[in-house]
Amino acid sequence: MQLASLASSARLIYGRIIIGWNECMVTRNARLKDFLTDGYPDSGLPVQVLAEDHVGTYILPFSCERTNGEWRNGTTGETVQANILGWREVQTGSRGRTIPAQRPTKTQHG
């Protein structure tokens, strides 16, 4: 399949919704705004993490914990071998699924 043909067919998604290539990719900055990037979670707190490699950014498909200065897989306890950019708390939803918690809001005390 030629690139032009592929690009043309990629613009039509779900029959009637037309999007361009630039609308398919989430930018690094857009992903970062949904995660805490300064500091670390409390030790042993399960969190969702945003990682980065030479391809781009991605959310790890398992919860992680920050323990003894290392990021660890929340299920296996193995050290995570990735560059972690940010984290956010997770909650357990129905059927045991993990969903992102709402980002905490900052309040000013005066």
Protein backbone atom coordinates (compact mmCIF):
# COMPACT_ATOMS: atom_id res chain seq x y z
CA MET A 1 0.00 0.00 0.00
CA GLN A 2 1.37 3.40 -0.94
CA LEU A 3 1.91 6.03 1.74
CA ALA A 4 -0.57 8.44 0.11
CA SER A 5 -3.25 5.74 0.06
CA LEU A 6 -2.52 4.83 3.67
CA ALA A 7 -2.71 8.48 4.74
CA SER A 8 -5.98 8.91 2.89
CA SER A 9 -7.58 5.88 4.50
CA ALA A 10 -6.21 6.81 7.94
CA ARG A 11 -8.10 10.10 7.82
CA LEU A 12 -11.44 8.30 7.80
CA ILE A 13 -12.09 6.69 11.15
CA TYR A 14 -15.39 5.11 12.22
CA GLY A 15 -17.01 6.00 8.92
CA ARG A 16 -17.72 9.70 9.37
CA ILE A 17 -15.21 11.16 11.78
CA ILE A 18 -12.35 12.71 9.86
CA ILE A 19 -9.10 13.51 11.62
CA GLY A 20 -5.63 14.40 10.44
CA TRP A 21 -2.34 12.73 11.36
CA ASN A 22 -1.41 15.56 13.73
CA GLU A 23 -4.59 14.95 15.73
CA CYS A 24 -3.81 11.26 16.35
CA MET A 25 -0.71 11.78 18.45
CA VAL A 26 -0.73 13.14 21.99
CA THR A 27 2.22 15.42 22.61
CA ARG A 28 4.69 14.85 25.42
CA ASN A 29 3.57 18.07 27.12
CA ALA A 30 -0.10 17.09 26.89
CA ARG A 31 0.64 13.80 28.65
CA LEU A 32 2.85 15.42 31.27
CA LYS A 33 0.12 17.81 32.39
CA ASP A 34 -1.92 14.83 33.63
CA PHE A 35 0.89 13.58 35.90
CA LEU A 36 2.79 14.87 38.92
CA THR A 37 6.38 15.47 37.95
CA ASP A 38 7.84 16.98 41.10
CA GLY A 39 8.50 14.74 44.07
CA TYR A 40 7.55 11.13 44.62
CA PRO A 41 4.52 9.33 46.02
CA ASP A 42 4.51 7.96 49.55
CA SER A 43 6.42 4.70 49.83
CA GLY A 44 4.23 1.73 48.94
CA LEU A 45 1.41 3.82 47.39
CA PRO A 46 0.25 2.20 44.12
CA VAL A 47 0.41 4.75 41.29
CA GLN A 48 0.15 4.93 37.52
CA VAL A 49 3.37 6.11 35.88
CA LEU A 50 4.28 7.84 32.64
CA ALA A 51 7.49 6.47 31.13
CA GLU A 52 9.61 7.59 28.18
CA ASP A 53 11.99 5.84 25.81
CA HIS A 54 13.50 6.55 22.39
CA VAL A 55 10.09 6.06 20.74
CA GLY A 56 8.01 8.35 22.96
CA THR A 57 5.95 8.42 26.13
CA TYR A 58 3.65 5.70 27.35
CA ILE A 59 1.70 4.71 30.45
CA LEU A 60 2.87 1.46 31.97
CA PRO A 61 0.09 -1.17 31.93
CA PHE A 62 0.55 -2.03 35.61
CA SER A 63 0.60 -0.06 38.84
CA CYS A 64 3.96 0.91 40.30
CA GLU A 65 5.26 1.79 43.75
CA ARG A 66 8.20 3.93 44.80
CA THR A 67 10.08 1.90 47.42
CA ASN A 68 13.59 2.47 48.78
CA GLY A 69 14.34 5.03 46.05
CA GLU A 70 13.31 2.73 43.17
CA TRP A 71 10.25 2.37 41.01
CA ARG A 72 8.85 -1.16 41.35
CA ASN A 73 6.13 -3.11 39.58
CA GLY A 74 3.22 -3.09 42.03
CA THR A 75 2.33 -6.71 41.24
CA THR A 76 5.68 -8.51 40.87
CA GLY A 77 7.89 -6.22 42.95
CA GLU A 78 10.50 -6.14 40.16
CA THR A 79 12.45 -2.94 39.55
CA VAL A 80 11.01 -0.94 36.64
CA GLN A 81 13.67 -0.47 33.96
CA ALA A 82 12.31 2.72 32.39
CA ASN A 83 12.74 6.47 32.58
CA ILE A 84 9.76 7.55 34.69
CA LEU A 85 8.60 11.10 33.92
CA GLY A 86 5.61 11.40 36.22
CA TRP A 87 3.03 9.65 38.35
CA ARG A 88 -0.58 9.89 39.50
CA GLU A 89 -2.60 8.08 42.12
CA VAL A 90 -4.92 5.31 41.05
CA GLN A 91 -8.15 3.96 42.45
CA THR A 92 -9.57 0.49 42.08
CA GLY A 93 -12.81 0.63 40.11
CA SER A 94 -15.49 -1.99 39.71
CA ARG A 95 -14.26 -5.45 38.70
CA GLY A 96 -10.82 -4.66 40.11
CA ARG A 97 -9.82 -2.38 37.23
CA THR A 98 -7.37 0.38 38.01
CA ILE A 99 -8.44 3.87 37.00
CA PRO A 100 -6.64 7.20 37.38
CA ALA A 101 -7.64 9.26 40.38
CA GLN A 102 -8.58 12.88 39.94
CA ARG A 103 -5.55 15.12 40.08
CA PRO A 104 -5.44 16.86 43.47
CA THR A 105 -6.37 20.52 43.37
CA LYS A 106 -4.21 23.10 45.06
CA THR A 107 -5.85 25.37 47.58
CA GLN A 108 -4.55 28.58 49.02
CA HIS A 109 -4.75 29.15 52.73
CA GLY A 110 -4.80 32.82 53.67
